[in-house]
Amino acid sequence: MKDLVTSHATAEGRKNLHRYATWHLLRRLRRRSRGKETTYYQLQVARQHQRAGVYLLNWLEGQNLTLATCRQTDLERWMTSEDARLRQEAGHFVRWALAQKIARDLSFPAERWNGPSKPMDDEARWATARRLLHDDTLKPGDRLAGLLLLLYAQWPAAISRLTVDHIEEMDGAVRIRLGAVPVELPAPVAELALQQVEVRRSHAVLGHTDSPWLFPGGQPGRPISAWAMGERLRELGIRLAEARSTALFQLATELPTAVFARTLGIDITVAVKWQRAAAGDWGGYAAEISRRTSTT
């Protein structure tokens, strides 16, 4: 399947694109046609998916990045840029790269990012947060991860990459580095964070693992995968996209853009998009949150 878009990616990128076209797109076309002639529409869809991979690889090349070195903040920066094309179709390429272990720890929405997704009911969000804060029957690590999503809008991909060194205790305060500027954690969340750090360090002392990861995975020396982290959060009853949208929206209404970006570890262009959304289309939702907060 010959692509009409020129790829300026590295040799490794072109090799991955060829694998994607040959072993994924073409095989899927043949499987779906079941021996019948491929329709024009089916061929066009496959070509668009291939073009999307080319566009993303070309952008990565321009940023001196590859699929292997691309991180969630880089991916979100591309998704919200004016130059991004075929965003939704690129999601298929990214998810294929993750399945092939070419890329790692990325999370790509199922649909193109057009601003906030459907918000989670604010009362339900806080009810879930309270349960995670006080329910001792749940694993401390799962409680902490859930709160990082609900309160600080962290994707499973970002949570899974945290190490014990991202948590620091100084002068009676506990802080976590999610971005360039550490965030001070409120007491209940701080206790869970310190508890998780202690568990990880105790395991290292006992020789169970020398992993620096706050949430280690099944493989020695590797963190939990973004997919596995997402599954653990779903088991807590958290709808990932809705919970993150609600948290991002609320934080965007409360923090200046630069602070919003630097404390949460998101790209400045993403922060600007969220603040515009918070000031525009979701103005009524902001007023409702304000009324609820005042009542509380």
C-alpha atoms as a PDB file:
ATOM      1  CA  MET A   1       0.000   0.000   0.000  1.00  0.00           C
ATOM      2  CA  LYS A   2       1.824   3.066  -1.265  1.00  0.00           C
ATOM      3  CA  ASP A   3       1.370   6.243   0.736  1.00  0.00           C
ATOM      4  CA  LEU A   4       0.922   9.603  -0.990  1.00  0.00           C
ATOM      5  CA  VAL A   5       2.575  11.541   1.846  1.00  0.00           C
ATOM      6  CA  THR A   6       6.346  11.806   2.049  1.00  0.00           C
ATOM      7  CA  SER A   7       7.827  10.582   5.305  1.00  0.00           C
ATOM      8  CA  HIS A   8      10.735  12.582   6.679  1.00  0.00           C
ATOM      9  CA  ALA A   9      11.076  10.254   9.665  1.00  0.00           C
ATOM     10  CA  THR A  10      14.223   8.418  10.588  1.00  0.00           C
ATOM     11  CA  ALA A  11      15.103   5.067   9.037  1.00  0.00           C
ATOM     12  CA  GLU A  12      13.729   3.395  12.155  1.00  0.00           C
ATOM     13  CA  GLY A  13      10.511   5.402  11.827  1.00  0.00           C
ATOM     14  CA  ARG A  14      10.088   4.414   8.176  1.00  0.00           C
ATOM     15  CA  LYS A  15      10.719   0.787   9.116  1.00  0.00           C
ATOM     16  CA  ASN A  16       7.987   0.948  11.773  1.00  0.00           C
ATOM     17  CA  LEU A  17       5.622   2.633   9.320  1.00  0.00           C
ATOM     18  CA  HIS A  18       6.246  -0.151   6.794  1.00  0.00           C
ATOM     19  CA  ARG A  19       5.507  -2.758   9.457  1.00  0.00           C
ATOM     20  CA  TYR A  20       2.315  -0.940  10.404  1.00  0.00           C
ATOM     21  CA  ALA A  21       1.118  -0.774   6.788  1.00  0.00           C
ATOM     22  CA  THR A  22       2.114  -4.319   5.846  1.00  0.00           C
ATOM     23  CA  TRP A  23       1.427  -6.363   8.935  1.00  0.00           C
ATOM     24  CA  HIS A  24      -1.461  -4.409  10.429  1.00  0.00           C
ATOM     25  CA  LEU A  25      -3.387  -2.335   7.885  1.00  0.00           C
ATOM     26  CA  LEU A  26      -3.114  -4.755   4.948  1.00  0.00           C
ATOM     27  CA  ARG A  27      -3.800  -7.809   7.069  1.00  0.00           C
ATOM     28  CA  ARG A  28      -6.869  -6.125   8.555  1.00  0.00           C
ATOM     29  CA  LEU A  29      -8.074  -5.203   5.049  1.00  0.00           C
ATOM     30  CA  ARG A  30      -7.755  -8.802   3.869  1.00  0.00           C
ATOM     31  CA  ARG A  31      -9.420 -10.143   6.987  1.00  0.00           C
ATOM     32  CA  ARG A  32     -12.388  -7.820   6.663  1.00  0.00           C
ATOM     33  CA  SER A  33     -12.849  -8.321   2.918  1.00  0.00           C
ATOM     34  CA  ARG A  34     -12.958 -12.114   3.404  1.00  0.00           C
ATOM     35  CA  GLY A  35     -11.740 -12.836  -0.079  1.00  0.00           C
ATOM     36  CA  LYS A  36     -13.994 -10.269  -1.725  1.00  0.00           C
ATOM     37  CA  GLU A  37     -12.760  -7.217  -3.595  1.00  0.00           C
ATOM     38  CA  THR A  38     -11.697  -4.386  -1.299  1.00  0.00           C
ATOM     39  CA  THR A  39     -14.056  -1.417  -1.484  1.00  0.00           C
ATOM     40  CA  TYR A  40     -12.887   2.097  -2.252  1.00  0.00           C
ATOM     41  CA  TYR A  41     -14.010   3.231   1.189  1.00  0.00           C
ATOM     42  CA  GLN A  42     -12.032   0.495   2.968  1.00  0.00           C
ATOM     43  CA  LEU A  43      -8.917   1.407   1.013  1.00  0.00           C
ATOM     44  CA  GLN A  44      -9.318   5.106   1.761  1.00  0.00           C
ATOM     45  CA  VAL A  45      -9.672   4.423   5.495  1.00  0.00           C
ATOM     46  CA  ALA A  46      -6.480   2.344   5.485  1.00  0.00           C
ATOM     47  CA  ARG A  47      -4.631   5.050   3.569  1.00  0.00           C
ATOM     48  CA  GLN A  48      -5.779   7.696   6.035  1.00  0.00           C
ATOM     49  CA  HIS A  49      -4.489   5.618   8.928  1.00  0.00           C
ATOM     50  CA  GLN A  50      -1.144   5.269   7.166  1.00  0.00           C
ATOM     51  CA  ARG A  51      -0.989   9.002   6.433  1.00  0.00           C
ATOM     52  CA  ALA A  52      -1.745   9.726  10.077  1.00  0.00           C
ATOM     53  CA  GLY A  53       1.284   7.675  11.084  1.00  0.00           C
ATOM     54  CA  VAL A  54       3.416   9.623   8.599  1.00  0.00           C
ATOM     55  CA  TYR A  55       2.206  12.989   9.927  1.00  0.00           C
ATOM     56  CA  LEU A  56       2.955  12.007  13.513  1.00  0.00           C
ATOM     57  CA  LEU A  57       6.385  10.576  12.667  1.00  0.00           C
ATOM     58  CA  ASN A  58       7.281  13.698  10.678  1.00  0.00           C
ATOM     59  CA  TRP A  59       6.340  15.887  13.636  1.00  0.00           C
ATOM     60  CA  LEU A  60       8.358  13.722  16.019  1.00  0.00           C
ATOM     61  CA  GLU A  61      11.350  13.987  13.690  1.00  0.00           C
ATOM     62  CA  GLY A  62      11.038  17.775  13.777  1.00  0.00           C
ATOM     63  CA  GLN A  63      11.104  17.649  17.585  1.00  0.00           C
ATOM     64  CA  ASN A  64      14.129  15.294  17.632  1.00  0.00           C
ATOM     65  CA  LEU A  65      11.887  12.570  19.035  1.00  0.00           C
ATOM     66  CA  THR A  66      10.996   9.011  18.086  1.00  0.00           C
ATOM     67  CA  LEU A  67       8.149   6.719  19.055  1.00  0.00           C
ATOM     68  CA  ALA A  68      10.419   5.222  21.703  1.00  0.00           C
ATOM     69  CA  THR A  69      11.379   8.566  23.262  1.00  0.00           C
ATOM     70  CA  CYS A  70       7.980  10.265  22.897  1.00  0.00           C
ATOM     71  CA  ARG A  71       6.243  10.867  26.228  1.00  0.00           C
ATOM     72  CA  GLN A  72       2.647  11.745  27.091  1.00  0.00           C
ATOM     73  CA  THR A  73       3.375  15.485  27.296  1.00  0.00           C
ATOM     74  CA  ASP A  74       4.918  15.371  23.797  1.00  0.00           C
ATOM     75  CA  LEU A  75       1.928  13.484  22.420  1.00  0.00           C
ATOM     76  CA  GLU A  76      -0.536  15.941  23.966  1.00  0.00           C
ATOM     77  CA  ARG A  77       1.510  18.842  22.588  1.00  0.00           C
ATOM     78  CA  TRP A  78       1.123  17.389  19.092  1.00  0.00           C
ATOM     79  CA  MET A  79      -2.571  16.648  19.597  1.00  0.00           C
ATOM     80  CA  THR A  80      -3.336  20.264  20.530  1.00  0.00           C
ATOM     81  CA  SER A  81      -1.059  21.899  17.961  1.00  0.00           C
ATOM     82  CA  GLU A  82      -2.505  23.698  14.958  1.00  0.00           C
ATOM     83  CA  ASP A  83      -0.321  21.629  12.622  1.00  0.00           C
ATOM     84  CA  ALA A  84      -1.663  18.252  13.775  1.00  0.00           C
ATOM     85  CA  ARG A  85      -3.600  16.392  11.080  1.00  0.00           C
ATOM     86  CA  LEU A  86      -5.655  13.195  11.247  1.00  0.00           C
ATOM     87  CA  ARG A  87      -5.445  13.131  15.048  1.00  0.00           C
ATOM     88  CA  GLN A  88      -8.110  10.486  15.513  1.00  0.00           C
ATOM     89  CA  GLU A  89      -6.568   8.194  12.907  1.00  0.00           C
ATOM     90  CA  ALA A  90      -3.136   8.639  14.508  1.00  0.00           C
ATOM     91  CA  GLY A  91      -4.543   7.029  17.631  1.00  0.00           C
ATOM     92  CA  HIS A  92      -4.671   3.694  15.792  1.00  0.00           C
ATOM     93  CA  PHE A  93      -0.970   4.022  14.931  1.00  0.00           C
ATOM     94  CA  VAL A  94      -0.011   4.921  18.498  1.00  0.00           C
ATOM     95  CA  ARG A  95      -2.005   2.063  19.991  1.00  0.00           C
ATOM     96  CA  TRP A  96      -0.410  -0.342  17.489  1.00  0.00           C
ATOM     97  CA  ALA A  97       3.047   0.954  18.473  1.00  0.00           C
ATOM     98  CA  LEU A  98       2.203   0.355  22.131  1.00  0.00           C
ATOM     99  CA  ALA A  99       1.023  -3.192  21.430  1.00  0.00           C
ATOM    100  CA  GLN A 100       4.259  -3.850  19.529  1.00  0.00           C
ATOM    101  CA  LYS A 101       6.287  -2.340  22.414  1.00  0.00           C
ATOM    102  CA  ILE A 102       7.782   0.242  20.042  1.00  0.00           C
ATOM    103  CA  ALA A 103       6.318   3.034  22.170  1.00  0.00           C
ATOM    104  CA  ARG A 104       5.569   2.869  25.869  1.00  0.00           C
ATOM    105  CA  ASP A 105       3.607   4.601  28.603  1.00  0.00           C
ATOM    106  CA  LEU A 106       1.422   6.615  26.241  1.00  0.00           C
ATOM    107  CA  SER A 107      -2.316   7.088  26.440  1.00  0.00           C
ATOM    108  CA  PHE A 108      -4.288   8.156  23.386  1.00  0.00           C
ATOM    109  CA  PRO A 109      -7.992   9.093  23.619  1.00  0.00           C
ATOM    110  CA  ALA A 110     -10.300   7.048  21.448  1.00  0.00           C
ATOM    111  CA  GLU A 111     -11.539  10.226  19.772  1.00  0.00           C
ATOM    112  CA  ARG A 112      -9.834  13.380  18.638  1.00  0.00           C
ATOM    113  CA  TRP A 113      -9.170  15.867  21.408  1.00  0.00           C
ATOM    114  CA  ASN A 114     -11.527  18.810  20.962  1.00  0.00           C
ATOM    115  CA  GLY A 115     -11.400  20.146  24.481  1.00  0.00           C
ATOM    116  CA  PRO A 116     -13.178  18.772  27.538  1.00  0.00           C
ATOM    117  CA  SER A 117     -14.939  15.450  27.203  1.00  0.00           C
ATOM    118  CA  LYS A 118     -18.189  14.743  29.002  1.00  0.00           C
ATOM    119  CA  PRO A 119     -17.650  15.871  32.611  1.00  0.00           C
ATOM    120  CA  MET A 120     -17.959  13.532  35.527  1.00  0.00           C
ATOM    121  CA  ASP A 121     -20.641  14.558  37.992  1.00  0.00           C
ATOM    122  CA  ASP A 122     -18.794  16.706  40.520  1.00  0.00           C
ATOM    123  CA  GLU A 123     -20.559  15.203  43.526  1.00  0.00           C
ATOM    124  CA  ALA A 124     -19.732  11.688  42.291  1.00  0.00           C
ATOM    125  CA  ARG A 125     -16.114  12.722  41.847  1.00  0.00           C
ATOM    126  CA  TRP A 126     -15.814  13.945  45.418  1.00  0.00           C
ATOM    127  CA  ALA A 127     -17.678  10.909  46.737  1.00  0.00           C
ATOM    128  CA  THR A 128     -15.124   8.673  44.994  1.00  0.00           C
ATOM    129  CA  ALA A 129     -12.272  10.779  46.357  1.00  0.00           C
ATOM    130  CA  ARG A 130     -13.630  10.494  49.912  1.00  0.00           C
ATOM    131  CA  ARG A 131     -13.907   6.730  49.527  1.00  0.00           C
ATOM    132  CA  LEU A 132     -10.276   6.521  48.402  1.00  0.00           C
ATOM    133  CA  LEU A 133      -9.182   8.693  51.312  1.00  0.00           C
ATOM    134  CA  HIS A 134     -10.920   6.679  54.013  1.00  0.00           C
ATOM    135  CA  ASP A 135     -11.539   3.119  52.781  1.00  0.00           C
ATOM    136  CA  ASP A 136      -8.781   1.051  54.415  1.00  0.00           C
ATOM    137  CA  THR A 137      -9.932  -2.111  52.649  1.00  0.00           C
ATOM    138  CA  LEU A 138      -8.470  -0.789  49.393  1.00  0.00           C
ATOM    139  CA  LYS A 139      -4.770  -1.049  48.595  1.00  0.00           C
ATOM    140  CA  PRO A 140      -2.898   2.157  49.537  1.00  0.00           C
ATOM    141  CA  GLY A 141      -1.209   2.261  46.135  1.00  0.00           C
ATOM    142  CA  ASP A 142      -4.541   2.098  44.319  1.00  0.00           C
ATOM    143  CA  ARG A 143      -5.994   4.760  46.590  1.00  0.00           C
ATOM    144  CA  LEU A 144      -3.050   7.074  45.902  1.00  0.00           C
ATOM    145  CA  ALA A 145      -3.176   6.502  42.140  1.00  0.00           C
ATOM    146  CA  GLY A 146      -6.917   7.181  42.060  1.00  0.00           C
ATOM    147  CA  LEU A 147      -6.519  10.415  43.980  1.00  0.00           C
ATOM    148  CA  LEU A 148      -3.751  11.582  41.654  1.00  0.00           C
ATOM    149  CA  LEU A 149      -6.219  11.233  38.791  1.00  0.00           C
ATOM    150  CA  LEU A 150      -9.267  12.673  40.551  1.00  0.00           C
ATOM    151  CA  LEU A 151      -7.515  15.625  42.213  1.00  0.00           C
ATOM    152  CA  TYR A 152      -4.480  16.314  40.003  1.00  0.00           C
ATOM    153  CA  ALA A 153      -5.676  15.147  36.559  1.00  0.00           C
ATOM    154  CA  GLN A 154      -2.820  12.684  36.061  1.00  0.00           C
ATOM    155  CA  TRP A 155      -3.188  10.134  33.269  1.00  0.00           C
ATOM    156  CA  PRO A 156      -2.358   6.498  34.109  1.00  0.00           C
ATOM    157  CA  ALA A 157       0.686   6.864  31.826  1.00  0.00           C
ATOM    158  CA  ALA A 158       2.054   9.681  33.999  1.00  0.00           C
ATOM    159  CA  ILE A 159       1.200   7.959  37.291  1.00  0.00           C
ATOM    160  CA  SER A 160       2.945   4.765  36.228  1.00  0.00           C
ATOM    161  CA  ARG A 161       6.217   6.670  35.613  1.00  0.00           C
ATOM    162  CA  LEU A 162       6.461   8.139  39.115  1.00  0.00           C
ATOM    163  CA  THR A 163       9.420   7.075  41.260  1.00  0.00           C
ATOM    164  CA  VAL A 164       9.940   7.243  45.012  1.00  0.00           C
ATOM    165  CA  ASP A 165      12.118  10.305  44.399  1.00  0.00           C
ATOM    166  CA  HIS A 166       9.095  12.204  43.086  1.00  0.00           C
ATOM    167  CA  ILE A 167       7.811  12.273  46.670  1.00  0.00           C
ATOM    168  CA  GLU A 168       9.724  14.533  49.062  1.00  0.00           C
ATOM    169  CA  GLU A 169       9.185  15.362  52.723  1.00  0.00           C
ATOM    170  CA  MET A 170      10.644  18.601  54.035  1.00  0.00           C
ATOM    171  CA  ASP A 171       9.840  20.925  56.935  1.00  0.00           C
ATOM    172  CA  GLY A 172       6.747  18.949  57.851  1.00  0.00           C
ATOM    173  CA  ALA A 173       5.290  19.150  54.330  1.00  0.00           C
ATOM    174  CA  VAL A 174       5.010  16.399  51.739  1.00  0.00           C
ATOM    175  CA  ARG A 175       5.319  17.371  48.082  1.00  0.00           C
ATOM    176  CA  ILE A 176       5.037  15.499  44.821  1.00  0.00           C
ATOM    177  CA  ARG A 177       6.693  16.464  41.546  1.00  0.00           C
ATOM    178  CA  LEU A 178       4.172  16.056  38.752  1.00  0.00           C
ATOM    179  CA  GLY A 179       5.774  18.805  36.684  1.00  0.00           C
ATOM    180  CA  ALA A 180       8.512  21.400  37.059  1.00  0.00           C
ATOM    181  CA  VAL A 181       7.077  22.777  40.328  1.00  0.00           C
ATOM    182  CA  PRO A 182       6.339  20.393  43.265  1.00  0.00           C
ATOM    183  CA  VAL A 183       2.799  20.298  44.621  1.00  0.00           C
ATOM    184  CA  GLU A 184       2.193  20.189  48.378  1.00  0.00           C
ATOM    185  CA  LEU A 185      -0.167  17.348  49.249  1.00  0.00           C
ATOM    186  CA  PRO A 186      -2.951  17.722  51.816  1.00  0.00           C
ATOM    187  CA  ALA A 187      -2.514  15.566  54.924  1.00  0.00           C
ATOM    188  CA  PRO A 188      -4.652  12.522  53.981  1.00  0.00           C
ATOM    189  CA  VAL A 189      -3.083  12.249  50.516  1.00  0.00           C
ATOM    190  CA  ALA A 190       0.375  12.906  51.952  1.00  0.00           C
ATOM    191  CA  GLU A 191      -0.041   9.979  54.367  1.00  0.00           C
ATOM    192  CA  LEU A 192      -0.885   7.642  51.498  1.00  0.00           C
ATOM    193  CA  ALA A 193       2.096   8.905  49.490  1.00  0.00           C
ATOM    194  CA  LEU A 194       4.526   8.360  52.370  1.00  0.00           C
ATOM    195  CA  GLN A 195       3.008   4.946  53.033  1.00  0.00           C
ATOM    196  CA  GLN A 196       3.573   3.922  49.410  1.00  0.00           C
ATOM    197  CA  VAL A 197       7.174   5.210  49.486  1.00  0.00           C
ATOM    198  CA  GLU A 198       7.824   3.275  52.699  1.00  0.00           C
ATOM    199  CA  VAL A 199       6.445   0.085  51.174  1.00  0.00           C
ATOM    200  CA  ARG A 200       8.690   0.468  48.125  1.00  0.00           C
ATOM    201  CA  ARG A 201      11.810   1.232  50.202  1.00  0.00           C
ATOM    202  CA  SER A 202      11.116  -1.618  52.598  1.00  0.00           C
ATOM    203  CA  HIS A 203      10.943  -4.016  49.684  1.00  0.00           C
ATOM    204  CA  ALA A 204      14.282  -2.720  48.419  1.00  0.00           C
ATOM    205  CA  VAL A 205      15.922  -3.180  51.848  1.00  0.00           C
ATOM    206  CA  LEU A 206      14.595  -6.742  52.097  1.00  0.00           C
ATOM    207  CA  GLY A 207      15.972  -7.494  48.653  1.00  0.00           C
ATOM    208  CA  HIS A 208      12.558  -8.076  47.092  1.00  0.00           C
ATOM    209  CA  THR A 209      13.297  -5.478  44.440  1.00  0.00           C
ATOM    210  CA  ASP A 210      15.665  -2.625  43.750  1.00  0.00           C
ATOM    211  CA  SER A 211      13.080  -0.892  41.573  1.00  0.00           C
ATOM    212  CA  PRO A 212      12.886   2.893  42.006  1.00  0.00           C
ATOM    213  CA  TRP A 213       9.325   2.990  40.689  1.00  0.00           C
ATOM    214  CA  LEU A 214       6.525   4.090  42.980  1.00  0.00           C
ATOM    215  CA  PHE A 215       4.214   1.653  41.191  1.00  0.00           C
ATOM    216  CA  PRO A 216       6.398  -1.245  40.000  1.00  0.00           C
ATOM    217  CA  GLY A 217       5.228  -3.649  37.323  1.00  0.00           C
ATOM    218  CA  GLY A 218       5.408  -7.394  37.020  1.00  0.00           C
ATOM    219  CA  GLN A 219       8.771  -7.317  35.250  1.00  0.00           C
ATOM    220  CA  PRO A 220      11.819  -6.639  37.472  1.00  0.00           C
ATOM    221  CA  GLY A 221      13.050  -3.066  37.221  1.00  0.00           C
ATOM    222  CA  ARG A 222      10.058  -1.902  35.176  1.00  0.00           C
ATOM    223  CA  PRO A 223       7.116   0.265  36.247  1.00  0.00           C
ATOM    224  CA  ILE A 224       3.532  -0.846  35.905  1.00  0.00           C
ATOM    225  CA  SER A 225       2.286  -0.294  32.358  1.00  0.00           C
ATOM    226  CA  ALA A 226      -0.106   2.539  31.578  1.00  0.00           C
ATOM    227  CA  TRP A 227      -2.703  -0.027  30.501  1.00  0.00           C
ATOM    228  CA  ALA A 228      -2.435  -1.994  33.766  1.00  0.00           C
ATOM    229  CA  MET A 229      -2.625   1.195  35.806  1.00  0.00           C
ATOM    230  CA  GLY A 230      -5.720   2.226  33.889  1.00  0.00           C
ATOM    231  CA  GLU A 231      -7.325  -1.149  34.592  1.00  0.00           C
ATOM    232  CA  ARG A 232      -6.641  -0.795  38.321  1.00  0.00           C
ATOM    233  CA  LEU A 233      -8.301   2.619  38.338  1.00  0.00           C
ATOM    234  CA  ARG A 234     -11.305   1.336  36.384  1.00  0.00           C
ATOM    235  CA  GLU A 235     -11.726  -1.414  38.977  1.00  0.00           C
ATOM    236  CA  LEU A 236     -12.151   1.384  41.524  1.00  0.00           C
ATOM    237  CA  GLY A 237     -15.123   2.610  39.486  1.00  0.00           C
ATOM    238  CA  ILE A 238     -13.294   5.585  37.977  1.00  0.00           C
ATOM    239  CA  ARG A 239     -14.079   6.613  34.401  1.00  0.00           C
ATOM    240  CA  LEU A 240     -10.678   7.829  33.341  1.00  0.00           C
ATOM    241  CA  ALA A 241     -11.436  10.403  30.638  1.00  0.00           C
ATOM    242  CA  GLU A 242     -14.419  11.919  32.450  1.00  0.00           C
ATOM    243  CA  ALA A 243     -12.581  12.126  35.785  1.00  0.00           C
ATOM    244  CA  ARG A 244      -9.536  13.769  34.214  1.00  0.00           C
ATOM    245  CA  SER A 245     -11.642  16.234  32.207  1.00  0.00           C
ATOM    246  CA  THR A 246     -13.473  17.330  35.337  1.00  0.00           C
ATOM    247  CA  ALA A 247     -10.255  17.702  37.335  1.00  0.00           C
ATOM    248  CA  LEU A 248      -8.527  19.633  34.538  1.00  0.00           C
ATOM    249  CA  PHE A 249     -11.509  21.893  34.093  1.00  0.00           C
ATOM    250  CA  GLN A 250     -11.730  22.764  37.766  1.00  0.00           C
ATOM    251  CA  LEU A 251      -7.977  23.355  38.060  1.00  0.00           C
ATOM    252  CA  ALA A 252      -8.049  25.498  34.904  1.00  0.00           C
ATOM    253  CA  THR A 253     -10.619  27.783  36.559  1.00  0.00           C
ATOM    254  CA  GLU A 254      -8.478  28.164  39.701  1.00  0.00           C
ATOM    255  CA  LEU A 255      -4.866  28.486  38.500  1.00  0.00           C
ATOM    256  CA  PRO A 256      -2.979  30.844  36.162  1.00  0.00           C
ATOM    257  CA  THR A 257      -1.994  29.145  32.907  1.00  0.00           C
ATOM    258  CA  ALA A 258       1.747  28.954  33.652  1.00  0.00           C
ATOM    259  CA  VAL A 259       1.181  27.536  37.131  1.00  0.00           C
ATOM    260  CA  PHE A 260      -1.437  25.144  35.773  1.00  0.00           C
ATOM    261  CA  ALA A 261       1.059  23.759  33.243  1.00  0.00           C
ATOM    262  CA  ARG A 262       4.151  23.661  35.461  1.00  0.00           C
ATOM    263  CA  THR A 263       2.543  22.010  38.473  1.00  0.00           C
ATOM    264  CA  LEU A 264       0.615  19.328  36.564  1.00  0.00           C
ATOM    265  CA  GLY A 265       3.371  18.532  34.069  1.00  0.00           C
ATOM    266  CA  ILE A 266       1.307  19.324  30.973  1.00  0.00           C
ATOM    267  CA  ASP A 267       2.395  21.345  27.974  1.00  0.00           C
ATOM    268  CA  ILE A 268       1.618  25.075  28.052  1.00  0.00           C
ATOM    269  CA  THR A 269      -0.419  24.830  24.830  1.00  0.00           C
ATOM    270  CA  VAL A 270      -2.620  22.177  26.432  1.00  0.00           C
ATOM    271  CA  ALA A 271      -3.090  24.384  29.495  1.00  0.00           C
ATOM    272  CA  VAL A 272      -4.113  27.322  27.306  1.00  0.00           C
ATOM    273  CA  LYS A 273      -6.703  25.176  25.504  1.00  0.00           C
ATOM    274  CA  TRP A 274      -8.191  24.069  28.814  1.00  0.00           C
ATOM    275  CA  GLN A 275      -8.345  27.582  30.192  1.00  0.00           C
ATOM    276  CA  ARG A 276     -10.081  28.786  27.048  1.00  0.00           C
ATOM    277  CA  ALA A 277     -12.573  25.960  27.387  1.00  0.00           C
ATOM    278  CA  ALA A 278     -13.099  26.790  31.058  1.00  0.00           C
ATOM    279  CA  ALA A 279     -13.726  30.456  30.240  1.00  0.00           C
ATOM    280  CA  GLY A 280     -15.963  29.713  27.264  1.00  0.00           C
ATOM    281  CA  ASP A 281     -18.210  26.792  26.546  1.00  0.00           C
ATOM    282  CA  TRP A 282     -18.245  25.485  30.087  1.00  0.00           C
ATOM    283  CA  GLY A 283     -19.020  28.789  31.734  1.00  0.00           C
ATOM    284  CA  GLY A 284     -22.283  27.470  33.150  1.00  0.00           C
ATOM    285  CA  TYR A 285     -20.518  24.452  34.581  1.00  0.00           C
ATOM    286  CA  ALA A 286     -17.972  26.736  36.279  1.00  0.00           C
ATOM    287  CA  ALA A 287     -20.767  28.748  37.864  1.00  0.00           C
ATOM    288  CA  GLU A 288     -22.356  25.549  39.144  1.00  0.00           C
ATOM    289  CA  ILE A 289     -19.054  24.412  40.678  1.00  0.00           C
ATOM    290  CA  SER A 290     -18.656  27.818  42.297  1.00  0.00           C
ATOM    291  CA  ARG A 291     -22.123  27.626  43.822  1.00  0.00           C
ATOM    292  CA  ARG A 292     -21.482  24.124  45.157  1.00  0.00           C
ATOM    293  CA  THR A 293     -18.152  25.192  46.642  1.00  0.00           C
ATOM    294  CA  SER A 294     -19.727  28.228  48.313  1.00  0.00           C
ATOM    295  CA  THR A 295     -22.506  26.066  49.745  1.00  0.00           C
ATOM    296  CA  THR A 296     -20.014  23.533  51.058  1.00  0.00           C
END
